[in-house]
Amino acid sequence: CGCPVHPWKKKTCWLGSAALAAAADATVILTWWKLQDAIRDGDLAER
């Protein structure tokens, strides 16, 4: 696969598993709630 950060490189990717979709969904959900936590409890710059 092409690499979004280094487009001149080809990377071997593991694809085709439902586990990847589950991990991607968990990544977004946990990131969202971590951001909500920072909005509530962080300093001004972090909020």
All heavy atoms as atom14 arrays in JSON, in Angstrom:
{
  "sequence": "CGCPVHPWKKKTCWLGSAALAAAADATVILTWWKLQDAIRDGDLAER",
  "atom14_mask": [
    [1, 1, 1, 1, 1, 1, 0, 0, 0, 0, 0, 0, 0, 0],
    [1, 1, 1, 1, 0, 0, 0, 0, 0, 0, 0, 0, 0, 0],
    [1, 1, 1, 1, 1, 1, 0, 0, 0, 0, 0, 0, 0, 0],
    [1, 1, 1, 1, 1, 1, 1, 0, 0, 0, 0, 0, 0, 0],
    [1, 1, 1, 1, 1, 1, 1, 0, 0, 0, 0, 0, 0, 0],
    [1, 1, 1, 1, 1, 1, 1, 1, 1, 1, 0, 0, 0, 0],
    [1, 1, 1, 1, 1, 1, 1, 0, 0, 0, 0, 0, 0, 0],
    [1, 1, 1, 1, 1, 1, 1, 1, 1, 1, 1, 1, 1, 1],
    [1, 1, 1, 1, 1, 1, 1, 1, 1, 0, 0, 0, 0, 0],
    [1, 1, 1, 1, 1, 1, 1, 1, 1, 0, 0, 0, 0, 0],
    [1, 1, 1, 1, 1, 1, 1, 1, 1, 0, 0, 0, 0, 0],
    [1, 1, 1, 1, 1, 1, 1, 0, 0, 0, 0, 0, 0, 0],
    [1, 1, 1, 1, 1, 1, 0, 0, 0, 0, 0, 0, 0, 0],
    [1, 1, 1, 1, 1, 1, 1, 1, 1, 1, 1, 1, 1, 1],
    [1, 1, 1, 1, 1, 1, 1, 1, 0, 0, 0, 0, 0, 0],
    [1, 1, 1, 1, 0, 0, 0, 0, 0, 0, 0, 0, 0, 0],
    [1, 1, 1, 1, 1, 1, 0, 0, 0, 0, 0, 0, 0, 0],
    [1, 1, 1, 1, 1, 0, 0, 0, 0, 0, 0, 0, 0, 0],
    [1, 1, 1, 1, 1, 0, 0, 0, 0, 0, 0, 0, 0, 0],
    [1, 1, 1, 1, 1, 1, 1, 1, 0, 0, 0, 0, 0, 0],
    [1, 1, 1, 1, 1, 0, 0, 0, 0, 0, 0, 0, 0, 0],
    [1, 1, 1, 1, 1, 0, 0, 0, 0, 0, 0, 0, 0, 0],
    [1, 1, 1, 1, 1, 0, 0, 0, 0, 0, 0, 0, 0, 0],
    [1, 1, 1, 1, 1, 0, 0, 0, 0, 0, 0, 0, 0, 0],
    [1, 1, 1, 1, 1, 1, 1, 1, 0, 0, 0, 0, 0, 0],
    [1, 1, 1, 1, 1, 0, 0, 0, 0, 0, 0, 0, 0, 0],
    [1, 1, 1, 1, 1, 1, 1, 0, 0, 0, 0, 0, 0, 0],
    [1, 1, 1, 1, 1, 1, 1, 0, 0, 0, 0, 0, 0, 0],
    [1, 1, 1, 1, 1, 1, 1, 1, 0, 0, 0, 0, 0, 0],
    [1, 1, 1, 1, 1, 1, 1, 1, 0, 0, 0, 0, 0, 0],
    [1, 1, 1, 1, 1, 1, 1, 0, 0, 0, 0, 0, 0, 0],
    [1, 1, 1, 1, 1, 1, 1, 1, 1, 1, 1, 1, 1, 1],
    [1, 1, 1, 1, 1, 1, 1, 1, 1, 1, 1, 1, 1, 1],
    [1, 1, 1, 1, 1, 1, 1, 1, 1, 0, 0, 0, 0, 0],
    [1, 1, 1, 1, 1, 1, 1, 1, 0, 0, 0, 0, 0, 0],
    [1, 1, 1, 1, 1, 1, 1, 1, 1, 0, 0, 0, 0, 0],
    [1, 1, 1, 1, 1, 1, 1, 1, 0, 0, 0, 0, 0, 0],
    [1, 1, 1, 1, 1, 0, 0, 0, 0, 0, 0, 0, 0, 0],
    [1, 1, 1, 1, 1, 1, 1, 1, 0, 0, 0, 0, 0, 0],
    [1, 1, 1, 1, 1, 1, 1, 1, 1, 1, 1, 0, 0, 0],
    [1, 1, 1, 1, 1, 1, 1, 1, 0, 0, 0, 0, 0, 0],
    [1, 1, 1, 1, 0, 0, 0, 0, 0, 0, 0, 0, 0, 0],
    [1, 1, 1, 1, 1, 1, 1, 1, 0, 0, 0, 0, 0, 0],
    [1, 1, 1, 1, 1, 1, 1, 1, 0, 0, 0, 0, 0, 0],
    [1, 1, 1, 1, 1, 0, 0, 0, 0, 0, 0, 0, 0, 0],
    [1, 1, 1, 1, 1, 1, 1, 1, 1, 0, 0, 0, 0, 0],
    [1, 1, 1, 1, 1, 1, 1, 1, 1, 1, 1, 0, 0, 0]
  ],
  "atom14_positions": [
    [[0.84, -1.19, 0.0], [0.0, 0.0, 0.0], [0.88, 1.25, 0.0], [2.02, 1.22, 0.48], [-0.89, 0.03, 1.24], [-1.93, -1.42, 1.46], [0.0, 0.0, 0.0], [0.0, 0.0, 0.0], [0.0, 0.0, 0.0], [0.0, 0.0, 0.0], [0.0, 0.0, 0.0], [0.0, 0.0, 0.0], [0.0, 0.0, 0.0], [0.0, 0.0, 0.0]],
    [[0.32, 2.33, -0.48], [1.0, 3.61, -0.39], [0.95, 4.13, 1.03], [0.02, 3.86, 1.78], [0.0, 0.0, 0.0], [0.0, 0.0, 0.0], [0.0, 0.0, 0.0], [0.0, 0.0, 0.0], [0.0, 0.0, 0.0], [0.0, 0.0, 0.0], [0.0, 0.0, 0.0], [0.0, 0.0, 0.0], [0.0, 0.0, 0.0], [0.0, 0.0, 0.0]],
    [[1.97, 4.89, 1.41], [2.03, 5.47, 2.76], [1.65, 6.94, 2.69], [2.24, 7.69, 1.9], [3.45, 5.32, 3.32], [3.69, 6.11, 4.92], [0.0, 0.0, 0.0], [0.0, 0.0, 0.0], [0.0, 0.0, 0.0], [0.0, 0.0, 0.0], [0.0, 0.0, 0.0], [0.0, 0.0, 0.0], [0.0, 0.0, 0.0], [0.0, 0.0, 0.0]],
    [[0.67, 7.39, 3.5], [0.24, 8.8, 3.43], [1.3, 9.78, 3.89], [1.3, 10.94, 3.48], [-0.99, 8.85, 4.34], [-0.82, 7.7, 5.28], [-0.11, 6.64, 4.49], [0.0, 0.0, 0.0], [0.0, 0.0, 0.0], [0.0, 0.0, 0.0], [0.0, 0.0, 0.0], [0.0, 0.0, 0.0], [0.0, 0.0, 0.0], [0.0, 0.0, 0.0]],
    [[2.22, 9.34, 4.75], [3.26, 10.22, 5.25], [4.49, 10.2, 4.35], [5.14, 11.22, 4.15], [3.65, 9.82, 6.7], [4.8, 10.67, 7.21], [2.44, 9.96, 7.61], [0.0, 0.0, 0.0], [0.0, 0.0, 0.0], [0.0, 0.0, 0.0], [0.0, 0.0, 0.0], [0.0, 0.0, 0.0], [0.0, 0.0, 0.0], [0.0, 0.0, 0.0]],
    [[4.79, 9.03, 3.79], [5.93, 8.87, 2.89], [5.42, 8.26, 1.57], [5.56, 7.06, 1.34], [7.0, 7.97, 3.52], [7.52, 8.5, 4.82], [6.95, 8.18, 6.03], [8.54, 9.34, 5.09], [7.61, 8.8, 6.99], [8.58, 9.51, 6.46], [0.0, 0.0, 0.0], [0.0, 0.0, 0.0], [0.0, 0.0, 0.0], [0.0, 0.0, 0.0]],
    [[4.81, 9.08, 0.71], [4.14, 8.56, -0.48], [5.08, 7.88, -1.48], [4.62, 7.15, -2.36], [3.48, 9.8, -1.1], [4.22, 10.95, -0.51], [4.66, 10.53, 0.85], [0.0, 0.0, 0.0], [0.0, 0.0, 0.0], [0.0, 0.0, 0.0], [0.0, 0.0, 0.0], [0.0, 0.0, 0.0], [0.0, 0.0, 0.0], [0.0, 0.0, 0.0]],
    [[6.38, 8.11, -1.34], [7.32, 7.47, -2.25], [7.66, 6.04, -1.82], [8.36, 5.32, -2.51], [8.6, 8.29, -2.34], [9.28, 8.48, -1.01], [10.23, 7.7, -0.44], [9.02, 9.53, -0.09], [10.58, 8.19, 0.79], [9.86, 9.32, 1.04], [8.17, 10.65, -0.1], [9.86, 10.18, 2.13], [8.17, 11.48, 1.0], [9.01, 11.25, 2.09]],
    [[7.14, 5.64, -0.63], [7.42, 4.3, -0.12], [6.18, 3.42, -0.25], [5.06, 3.88, -0.08], [7.83, 4.35, 1.35], [9.18, 4.97, 1.62], [9.52, 4.88, 3.11], [10.89, 5.47, 3.41], [11.2, 5.39, 4.86], [0.0, 0.0, 0.0], [0.0, 0.0, 0.0], [0.0, 0.0, 0.0], [0.0, 0.0, 0.0], [0.0, 0.0, 0.0]],
    [[6.4, 2.15, -0.52], [5.34, 1.16, -0.47], [5.47, 0.37, 0.82], [6.56, -0.06, 1.18], [5.43, 0.21, -1.68], [5.02, 0.85, -3.0], [3.53, 1.15, -3.03], [3.1, 1.68, -4.39], [1.65, 1.96, -4.42], [0.0, 0.0, 0.0], [0.0, 0.0, 0.0], [0.0, 0.0, 0.0], [0.0, 0.0, 0.0], [0.0, 0.0, 0.0]],
    [[4.37, 0.2, 1.52], [4.37, -0.5, 2.79], [3.52, -1.75, 2.69], [2.48, -1.77, 2.01], [3.81, 0.38, 3.9], [4.44, 1.76, 4.0], [5.88, 1.71, 4.43], [6.03, 1.3, 5.86], [7.45, 1.36, 6.31], [0.0, 0.0, 0.0], [0.0, 0.0, 0.0], [0.0, 0.0, 0.0], [0.0, 0.0, 0.0], [0.0, 0.0, 0.0]],
    [[3.95, -2.82, 3.35], [3.12, -4.01, 3.45], [2.04, -3.76, 4.49], [2.34, -3.39, 5.63], [3.96, -5.23, 3.85], [4.96, -5.45, 2.87], [3.08, -6.47, 3.95], [0.0, 0.0, 0.0], [0.0, 0.0, 0.0], [0.0, 0.0, 0.0], [0.0, 0.0, 0.0], [0.0, 0.0, 0.0], [0.0, 0.0, 0.0], [0.0, 0.0, 0.0]],
    [[0.77, -3.95, 4.11], [-0.35, -3.68, 5.0], [-1.13, -4.96, 5.26], [-1.34, -5.77, 4.35], [-1.3, -2.66, 4.38], [-0.59, -1.03, 4.11], [0.0, 0.0, 0.0], [0.0, 0.0, 0.0], [0.0, 0.0, 0.0], [0.0, 0.0, 0.0], [0.0, 0.0, 0.0], [0.0, 0.0, 0.0], [0.0, 0.0, 0.0], [0.0, 0.0, 0.0]],
    [[-1.56, -5.14, 6.5], [-2.49, -6.22, 6.82], [-3.9, -5.67, 6.63], [-4.3, -4.71, 7.29], [-2.29, -6.68, 8.26], [-3.23, -7.76, 8.68], [-3.48, -8.94, 8.06], [-4.06, -7.75, 9.85], [-4.39, -9.67, 8.76], [-4.77, -8.97, 9.86], [-4.26, -6.84, 10.89], [-5.67, -9.31, 10.87], [-5.16, -7.17, 11.9], [-5.85, -8.4, 11.89]],
    [[-4.66, -6.27, 5.73], [-6.0, -5.78, 5.41], [-6.97, -6.95, 5.35], [-6.59, -8.12, 5.32], [-5.99, -5.04, 4.06], [-5.13, -3.77, 3.97], [-5.1, -3.26, 2.54], [-5.63, -2.7, 4.92], [0.0, 0.0, 0.0], [0.0, 0.0, 0.0], [0.0, 0.0, 0.0], [0.0, 0.0, 0.0], [0.0, 0.0, 0.0], [0.0, 0.0, 0.0]],
    [[-8.24, -6.63, 5.33], [-9.26, -7.64, 5.1], [-9.79, -8.31, 6.36], [-10.49, -9.32, 6.27], [0.0, 0.0, 0.0], [0.0, 0.0, 0.0], [0.0, 0.0, 0.0], [0.0, 0.0, 0.0], [0.0, 0.0, 0.0], [0.0, 0.0, 0.0], [0.0, 0.0, 0.0], [0.0, 0.0, 0.0], [0.0, 0.0, 0.0], [0.0, 0.0, 0.0]],
    [[-9.5, -7.79, 7.54], [-9.99, -8.4, 8.77], [-10.97, -7.46, 9.48], [-10.75, -6.25, 9.55], [-8.82, -8.7, 9.72], [-9.31, -9.12, 10.98], [0.0, 0.0, 0.0], [0.0, 0.0, 0.0], [0.0, 0.0, 0.0], [0.0, 0.0, 0.0], [0.0, 0.0, 0.0], [0.0, 0.0, 0.0], [0.0, 0.0, 0.0], [0.0, 0.0, 0.0]],
    [[-12.03, -8.05, 10.03], [-12.98, -7.26, 10.81], [-12.33, -6.68, 12.06], [-12.8, -5.68, 12.6], [-14.18, -8.14, 11.19], [0.0, 0.0, 0.0], [0.0, 0.0, 0.0], [0.0, 0.0, 0.0], [0.0, 0.0, 0.0], [0.0, 0.0, 0.0], [0.0, 0.0, 0.0], [0.0, 0.0, 0.0], [0.0, 0.0, 0.0], [0.0, 0.0, 0.0]],
    [[-11.25, -7.3, 12.52], [-10.55, -6.79, 13.71], [-10.0, -5.4, 13.46], [-9.95, -4.57, 14.38], [-9.43, -7.75, 14.09], [0.0, 0.0, 0.0], [0.0, 0.0, 0.0], [0.0, 0.0, 0.0], [0.0, 0.0, 0.0], [0.0, 0.0, 0.0], [0.0, 0.0, 0.0], [0.0, 0.0, 0.0], [0.0, 0.0, 0.0], [0.0, 0.0, 0.0]],
    [[-9.57, -5.11, 12.25], [-9.05, -3.77, 11.93], [-10.16, -2.73, 12.01], [-9.95, -1.63, 12.52], [-8.44, -3.77, 10.53], [-7.11, -4.5, 10.38], [-6.79, -4.7, 8.91], [-5.99, -3.73, 11.07], [0.0, 0.0, 0.0], [0.0, 0.0, 0.0], [0.0, 0.0, 0.0], [0.0, 0.0, 0.0], [0.0, 0.0, 0.0], [0.0, 0.0, 0.0]],
    [[-11.34, -3.08, 11.51], [-12.47, -2.15, 11.58], [-12.85, -1.88, 13.03], [-13.11, -0.74, 13.42], [-13.67, -2.71, 10.81], [0.0, 0.0, 0.0], [0.0, 0.0, 0.0], [0.0, 0.0, 0.0], [0.0, 0.0, 0.0], [0.0, 0.0, 0.0], [0.0, 0.0, 0.0], [0.0, 0.0, 0.0], [0.0, 0.0, 0.0], [0.0, 0.0, 0.0]],
    [[-12.86, -2.94, 13.86], [-13.19, -2.77, 15.27], [-12.16, -1.89, 15.97], [-12.51, -1.01, 16.78], [-13.27, -4.14, 15.95], [0.0, 0.0, 0.0], [0.0, 0.0, 0.0], [0.0, 0.0, 0.0], [0.0, 0.0, 0.0], [0.0, 0.0, 0.0], [0.0, 0.0, 0.0], [0.0, 0.0, 0.0], [0.0, 0.0, 0.0], [0.0, 0.0, 0.0]],
    [[-10.88, -2.11, 15.68], [-9.83, -1.3, 16.29], [-9.89, 0.14, 15.82], [-9.64, 1.07, 16.59], [-8.46, -1.9, 15.99], [0.0, 0.0, 0.0], [0.0, 0.0, 0.0], [0.0, 0.0, 0.0], [0.0, 0.0, 0.0], [0.0, 0.0, 0.0], [0.0, 0.0, 0.0], [0.0, 0.0, 0.0], [0.0, 0.0, 0.0], [0.0, 0.0, 0.0]],
    [[-10.22, 0.36, 14.54], [-10.35, 1.73, 14.03], [-11.52, 2.45, 14.7], [-11.4, 3.62, 15.09], [-10.56, 1.69, 12.51], [0.0, 0.0, 0.0], [0.0, 0.0, 0.0], [0.0, 0.0, 0.0], [0.0, 0.0, 0.0], [0.0, 0.0, 0.0], [0.0, 0.0, 0.0], [0.0, 0.0, 0.0], [0.0, 0.0, 0.0], [0.0, 0.0, 0.0]],
    [[-12.65, 1.76, 14.86], [-13.8, 2.36, 15.54], [-13.45, 2.71, 16.99], [-13.79, 3.8, 17.49], [-14.99, 1.41, 15.53], [-15.51, 1.14, 14.12], [-15.2, 1.92, 13.2], [-16.22, 0.12, 13.94], [0.0, 0.0, 0.0], [0.0, 0.0, 0.0], [0.0, 0.0, 0.0], [0.0, 0.0, 0.0], [0.0, 0.0, 0.0], [0.0, 0.0, 0.0]],
    [[-12.76, 1.8, 17.67], [-12.37, 2.05, 19.06], [-11.42, 3.23, 19.16], [-11.49, 4.02, 20.11], [-11.73, 0.8, 19.66], [0.0, 0.0, 0.0], [0.0, 0.0, 0.0], [0.0, 0.0, 0.0], [0.0, 0.0, 0.0], [0.0, 0.0, 0.0], [0.0, 0.0, 0.0], [0.0, 0.0, 0.0], [0.0, 0.0, 0.0], [0.0, 0.0, 0.0]],
    [[-10.52, 3.36, 18.18], [-9.58, 4.48, 18.15], [-10.33, 5.8, 18.14], [-10.03, 6.72, 18.92], [-8.68, 4.4, 16.91], [-7.95, 3.16, 16.93], [-7.7, 5.56, 16.87], [0.0, 0.0, 0.0], [0.0, 0.0, 0.0], [0.0, 0.0, 0.0], [0.0, 0.0, 0.0], [0.0, 0.0, 0.0], [0.0, 0.0, 0.0], [0.0, 0.0, 0.0]],
    [[-11.33, 5.91, 17.27], [-12.08, 7.16, 17.13], [-12.91, 7.43, 18.39], [-12.95, 8.57, 18.9], [-12.96, 7.11, 15.87], [-13.9, 8.31, 15.81], [-12.09, 7.06, 14.61], [0.0, 0.0, 0.0], [0.0, 0.0, 0.0], [0.0, 0.0, 0.0], [0.0, 0.0, 0.0], [0.0, 0.0, 0.0], [0.0, 0.0, 0.0], [0.0, 0.0, 0.0]],
    [[-13.57, 6.41, 18.91], [-14.42, 6.6, 20.09], [-13.6, 7.02, 21.3], [-13.94, 7.98, 22.01], [-15.2, 5.3, 20.38], [-16.27, 5.08, 19.29], [-15.86, 5.36, 21.77], [-16.91, 3.71, 19.34], [0.0, 0.0, 0.0], [0.0, 0.0, 0.0], [0.0, 0.0, 0.0], [0.0, 0.0, 0.0], [0.0, 0.0, 0.0], [0.0, 0.0, 0.0]],
    [[-12.49, 6.34, 21.55], [-11.67, 6.68, 22.71], [-11.02, 8.05, 22.56], [-10.9, 8.8, 23.53], [-10.61, 5.61, 22.92], [-11.12, 4.34, 23.63], [-10.11, 3.22, 23.51], [-11.42, 4.62, 25.09], [0.0, 0.0, 0.0], [0.0, 0.0, 0.0], [0.0, 0.0, 0.0], [0.0, 0.0, 0.0], [0.0, 0.0, 0.0], [0.0, 0.0, 0.0]],
    [[-10.62, 8.38, 21.34], [-10.04, 9.7, 21.11], [-11.07, 10.79, 21.37], [-10.77, 11.82, 21.99], [-9.51, 9.82, 19.67], [-8.51, 8.82, 19.46], [-8.91, 11.2, 19.42], [0.0, 0.0, 0.0], [0.0, 0.0, 0.0], [0.0, 0.0, 0.0], [0.0, 0.0, 0.0], [0.0, 0.0, 0.0], [0.0, 0.0, 0.0], [0.0, 0.0, 0.0]],
    [[-12.3, 10.58, 20.92], [-13.37, 11.56, 21.14], [-13.58, 11.81, 22.64], [-13.61, 12.95, 23.09], [-14.67, 11.08, 20.5], [-15.86, 11.89, 20.88], [-16.77, 11.63, 21.87], [-16.26, 13.15, 20.31], [-17.72, 12.62, 21.93], [-17.42, 13.57, 20.99], [-15.76, 13.94, 19.29], [-18.09, 14.74, 20.68], [-16.42, 15.12, 18.97], [-17.57, 15.51, 19.66]],
    [[-13.71, 10.74, 23.39], [-13.99, 10.92, 24.82], [-12.78, 11.44, 25.58], [-12.94, 12.17, 26.57], [-14.51, 9.61, 25.42], [-15.92, 9.36, 24.98], [-16.37, 8.37, 24.17], [-17.07, 10.16, 25.3], [-17.72, 8.48, 23.96], [-18.17, 9.58, 24.65], [-17.26, 11.29, 26.07], [-19.45, 10.11, 24.75], [-18.54, 11.83, 26.17], [-19.62, 11.23, 25.52]],
    [[-11.59, 11.14, 25.11], [-10.4, 11.73, 25.72], [-10.39, 13.24, 25.48], [-10.02, 14.03, 26.37], [-9.14, 11.09, 25.14], [-7.86, 11.5, 25.84], [-6.67, 10.73, 25.3], [-5.39, 11.14, 26.0], [-4.2, 10.43, 25.47], [0.0, 0.0, 0.0], [0.0, 0.0, 0.0], [0.0, 0.0, 0.0], [0.0, 0.0, 0.0], [0.0, 0.0, 0.0]],
    [[-10.81, 13.66, 24.3], [-10.91, 15.09, 24.01], [-11.97, 15.76, 24.89], [-11.77, 16.87, 25.39], [-11.25, 15.31, 22.53], [-10.14, 14.99, 21.53], [-10.69, 15.01, 20.1], [-8.98, 15.97, 21.66], [0.0, 0.0, 0.0], [0.0, 0.0, 0.0], [0.0, 0.0, 0.0], [0.0, 0.0, 0.0], [0.0, 0.0, 0.0], [0.0, 0.0, 0.0]],
    [[-13.11, 15.08, 25.08], [-14.15, 15.65, 25.94], [-13.66, 15.81, 27.37], [-13.97, 16.79, 28.05], [-15.4, 14.75, 25.91], [-16.04, 14.6, 24.54], [-16.31, 15.92, 23.87], [-16.98, 16.79, 24.42], [-15.77, 16.09, 22.67], [0.0, 0.0, 0.0], [0.0, 0.0, 0.0], [0.0, 0.0, 0.0], [0.0, 0.0, 0.0], [0.0, 0.0, 0.0]],
    [[-12.86, 14.84, 27.82], [-12.29, 14.92, 29.16], [-11.34, 16.11, 29.27], [-11.34, 16.83, 30.28], [-11.56, 13.61, 29.46], [-11.18, 13.47, 30.92], [-12.07, 13.6, 31.78], [-9.99, 13.24, 31.21], [0.0, 0.0, 0.0], [0.0, 0.0, 0.0], [0.0, 0.0, 0.0], [0.0, 0.0, 0.0], [0.0, 0.0, 0.0], [0.0, 0.0, 0.0]],
    [[-10.54, 16.33, 28.22], [-9.6, 17.46, 28.23], [-10.35, 18.79, 28.18], [-9.94, 19.78, 28.8], [-8.64, 17.35, 27.06], [0.0, 0.0, 0.0], [0.0, 0.0, 0.0], [0.0, 0.0, 0.0], [0.0, 0.0, 0.0], [0.0, 0.0, 0.0], [0.0, 0.0, 0.0], [0.0, 0.0, 0.0], [0.0, 0.0, 0.0], [0.0, 0.0, 0.0]],
    [[-11.46, 18.84, 27.44], [-12.26, 20.06, 27.37], [-12.82, 20.41, 28.75], [-12.89, 21.58, 29.15], [-13.41, 19.9, 26.35], [-12.83, 19.84, 24.92], [-14.43, 21.02, 26.47], [-13.84, 19.43, 23.87], [0.0, 0.0, 0.0], [0.0, 0.0, 0.0], [0.0, 0.0, 0.0], [0.0, 0.0, 0.0], [0.0, 0.0, 0.0], [0.0, 0.0, 0.0]],
    [[-13.19, 19.39, 29.5], [-13.77, 19.62, 30.83], [-12.7, 19.94, 31.88], [-12.91, 20.83, 32.72], [-14.55, 18.38, 31.28], [-15.12, 18.5, 32.68], [-16.14, 17.43, 33.0], [-15.61, 16.09, 32.87], [-16.32, 14.98, 33.09], [-17.6, 15.09, 33.41], [-15.79, 13.8, 32.96], [0.0, 0.0, 0.0], [0.0, 0.0, 0.0], [0.0, 0.0, 0.0]],
    [[-11.55, 19.27, 31.81], [-10.6, 19.35, 32.93], [-9.27, 20.01, 32.59], [-8.46, 20.25, 33.5], [-10.31, 17.94, 33.47], [-11.56, 17.28, 34.04], [-12.44, 18.0, 34.53], [-11.66, 16.04, 33.97], [0.0, 0.0, 0.0], [0.0, 0.0, 0.0], [0.0, 0.0, 0.0], [0.0, 0.0, 0.0], [0.0, 0.0, 0.0], [0.0, 0.0, 0.0]],
    [[-9.0, 20.3, 31.31], [-7.7, 20.83, 30.94], [-7.56, 22.32, 31.21], [-8.52, 23.01, 31.56], [0.0, 0.0, 0.0], [0.0, 0.0, 0.0], [0.0, 0.0, 0.0], [0.0, 0.0, 0.0], [0.0, 0.0, 0.0], [0.0, 0.0, 0.0], [0.0, 0.0, 0.0], [0.0, 0.0, 0.0], [0.0, 0.0, 0.0], [0.0, 0.0, 0.0]],
    [[-6.32, 22.83, 31.04], [-6.12, 24.27, 31.15], [-6.65, 24.95, 29.88], [-7.13, 24.29, 28.96], [-4.64, 24.61, 31.39], [-3.72, 24.07, 30.3], [-4.16, 23.94, 29.14], [-2.54, 23.79, 30.61], [0.0, 0.0, 0.0], [0.0, 0.0, 0.0], [0.0, 0.0, 0.0], [0.0, 0.0, 0.0], [0.0, 0.0, 0.0], [0.0, 0.0, 0.0]],
    [[-6.54, 26.27, 29.83], [-7.15, 27.01, 28.72], [-6.61, 26.57, 27.37], [-7.38, 26.36, 26.43], [-6.9, 28.51, 28.92], [-7.45, 29.43, 27.82], [-8.96, 29.28, 27.69], [-7.06, 30.89, 28.1], [0.0, 0.0, 0.0], [0.0, 0.0, 0.0], [0.0, 0.0, 0.0], [0.0, 0.0, 0.0], [0.0, 0.0, 0.0], [0.0, 0.0, 0.0]],
    [[-5.29, 26.42, 27.26], [-4.69, 26.03, 25.98], [-5.14, 24.63, 25.58], [-5.46, 24.38, 24.41], [-3.16, 26.1, 26.08], [0.0, 0.0, 0.0], [0.0, 0.0, 0.0], [0.0, 0.0, 0.0], [0.0, 0.0, 0.0], [0.0, 0.0, 0.0], [0.0, 0.0, 0.0], [0.0, 0.0, 0.0], [0.0, 0.0, 0.0], [0.0, 0.0, 0.0]],
    [[-5.17, 23.72, 26.55], [-5.57, 22.35, 26.25], [-7.04, 22.28, 25.87], [-7.43, 21.55, 24.95], [-5.3, 21.45, 27.45], [-5.5, 19.97, 27.17], [-5.12, 19.09, 28.35], [-4.86, 19.64, 29.45], [-5.1, 17.86, 28.18], [0.0, 0.0, 0.0], [0.0, 0.0, 0.0], [0.0, 0.0, 0.0], [0.0, 0.0, 0.0], [0.0, 0.0, 0.0]],
    [[-7.87, 23.06, 26.55], [-9.3, 23.08, 26.21], [-9.51, 23.61, 24.79], [-10.34, 23.08, 24.04], [-10.08, 23.94, 27.22], [-10.16, 23.35, 28.61], [-11.29, 23.96, 29.42], [-11.2, 25.42, 29.49], [-10.56, 26.09, 30.44], [-9.91, 25.41, 31.39], [-10.55, 27.39, 30.45], [0.0, 0.0, 0.0], [0.0, 0.0, 0.0], [0.0, 0.0, 0.0]]
  ]
}
